[in-house]
Amino acid sequence: MPSLLNITLRSLPPQFAGAAAGIYSTVQQTSSALGICLIGGVFYYFIGLTKNVQLAYHYGLIIHIGCLIILSILLLCLPKTVQGPKTATVAE
């Protein structure tokens, strides 16, 4: 993930780096928790419905693969070039 963090924060001015890193970390942790809730919820739903752990795991895995496909499509929509860091000009 560090390279993704570098790409995300590269174009920000240095004075916003701390706030942006905090927001990035919060979004990352929240997304992880929601993903666990979604896949775990599907898993336990099908365990309760069918009493079959293998089938529940299968459906949870299908949801996981579906999320990865959606993420891959979204990543393909990102711009191909990334702006470098903005340099400040010093007034003389």
Protein backbone atom coordinates (compact mmCIF):
# COMPACT_ATOMS: atom_id res chain seq x y z
CA MET A 1 0.00 0.00 0.00
CA PRO A 2 2.81 2.54 0.44
CA SER A 3 3.11 3.04 -3.32
CA LEU A 4 -0.63 3.71 -3.56
CA LEU A 5 -0.30 6.20 -0.73
CA ASN A 6 2.57 7.93 -2.55
CA ILE A 7 0.55 8.17 -5.76
CA THR A 8 -2.42 9.55 -3.88
CA LEU A 9 -0.51 12.19 -1.92
CA ARG A 10 2.05 13.16 -4.57
CA SER A 11 0.18 16.17 -5.97
CA LEU A 12 -0.71 17.71 -2.60
CA PRO A 13 1.08 20.72 -1.17
CA PRO A 14 3.24 19.77 1.85
CA GLN A 15 1.09 21.70 4.32
CA PHE A 16 -1.85 19.37 3.61
CA ALA A 17 0.12 16.11 3.80
CA GLY A 18 -0.76 15.34 7.44
CA ALA A 19 -4.49 15.89 7.02
CA ALA A 20 -4.56 13.97 3.74
CA ALA A 21 -2.68 11.03 5.26
CA GLY A 22 -5.15 10.96 8.15
CA ILE A 23 -8.14 11.00 5.80
CA TYR A 24 -6.52 8.30 3.65
CA SER A 25 -5.91 6.09 6.69
CA THR A 26 -9.47 6.59 7.95
CA VAL A 27 -10.99 5.70 4.57
CA GLN A 28 -8.71 2.64 4.31
CA GLN A 29 -9.69 1.35 7.76
CA THR A 30 -13.40 2.03 7.19
CA SER A 31 -13.32 0.26 3.83
CA SER A 32 -11.61 -2.75 5.37
CA ALA A 33 -14.23 -2.96 8.10
CA LEU A 34 -17.10 -2.65 5.61
CA GLY A 35 -15.56 -5.36 3.41
CA ILE A 36 -15.27 -7.72 6.36
CA CYS A 37 -18.89 -6.97 7.31
CA LEU A 38 -20.13 -7.61 3.78
CA ILE A 39 -18.27 -10.86 3.16
CA GLY A 40 -18.78 -12.09 6.73
CA GLY A 41 -22.47 -11.26 6.55
CA VAL A 42 -22.89 -13.24 3.34
CA PHE A 43 -20.93 -16.13 4.83
CA TYR A 44 -22.99 -16.33 8.02
CA TYR A 45 -26.25 -15.78 6.14
CA PHE A 46 -25.62 -18.86 4.03
CA ILE A 47 -24.40 -20.90 7.01
CA GLY A 48 -27.69 -20.14 8.74
CA LEU A 49 -29.68 -20.86 5.60
CA THR A 50 -28.02 -24.07 4.41
CA LYS A 51 -25.92 -25.32 7.39
CA ASN A 52 -23.19 -25.98 4.80
CA VAL A 53 -19.86 -24.30 5.49
CA GLN A 54 -18.45 -25.06 2.04
CA LEU A 55 -21.42 -23.48 0.28
CA ALA A 56 -21.27 -20.42 2.55
CA TYR A 57 -17.53 -20.07 1.85
CA HIS A 58 -18.26 -20.41 -1.88
CA TYR A 59 -20.78 -17.54 -1.83
CA GLY A 60 -18.48 -15.38 0.30
CA LEU A 61 -15.68 -16.01 -2.20
CA ILE A 62 -17.96 -15.05 -5.10
CA ILE A 63 -18.74 -11.73 -3.38
CA HIS A 64 -15.02 -11.18 -2.77
CA ILE A 65 -14.15 -11.86 -6.42
CA GLY A 66 -16.99 -9.57 -7.54
CA CYS A 67 -15.61 -6.74 -5.40
CA LEU A 68 -12.14 -7.30 -6.88
CA ILE A 69 -13.56 -7.12 -10.41
CA ILE A 70 -15.37 -3.87 -9.61
CA LEU A 71 -12.18 -2.45 -8.09
CA SER A 72 -10.17 -3.47 -11.17
CA ILE A 73 -12.65 -1.69 -13.44
CA LEU A 74 -12.48 1.43 -11.27
CA LEU A 75 -8.67 1.36 -11.34
CA LEU A 76 -8.75 1.21 -15.14
CA CYS A 77 -10.76 4.45 -15.11
CA LEU A 78 -7.99 6.35 -13.29
CA PRO A 79 -5.94 8.80 -15.32
CA LYS A 80 -2.75 7.36 -16.76
CA THR A 81 -0.50 10.26 -15.74
CA VAL A 82 0.12 11.57 -12.27
CA GLN A 83 1.21 15.12 -11.60
CA GLY A 84 4.43 15.53 -9.70
CA PRO A 85 4.73 17.53 -6.49
CA LYS A 86 4.08 21.22 -6.80
CA THR A 87 7.12 23.32 -6.02
CA ALA A 88 6.81 26.60 -4.22
CA THR A 89 8.40 29.68 -5.70
CA VAL A 90 10.40 31.89 -3.41
CA ALA A 91 9.77 35.61 -3.67
CA GLU A 92 12.93 37.67 -3.63
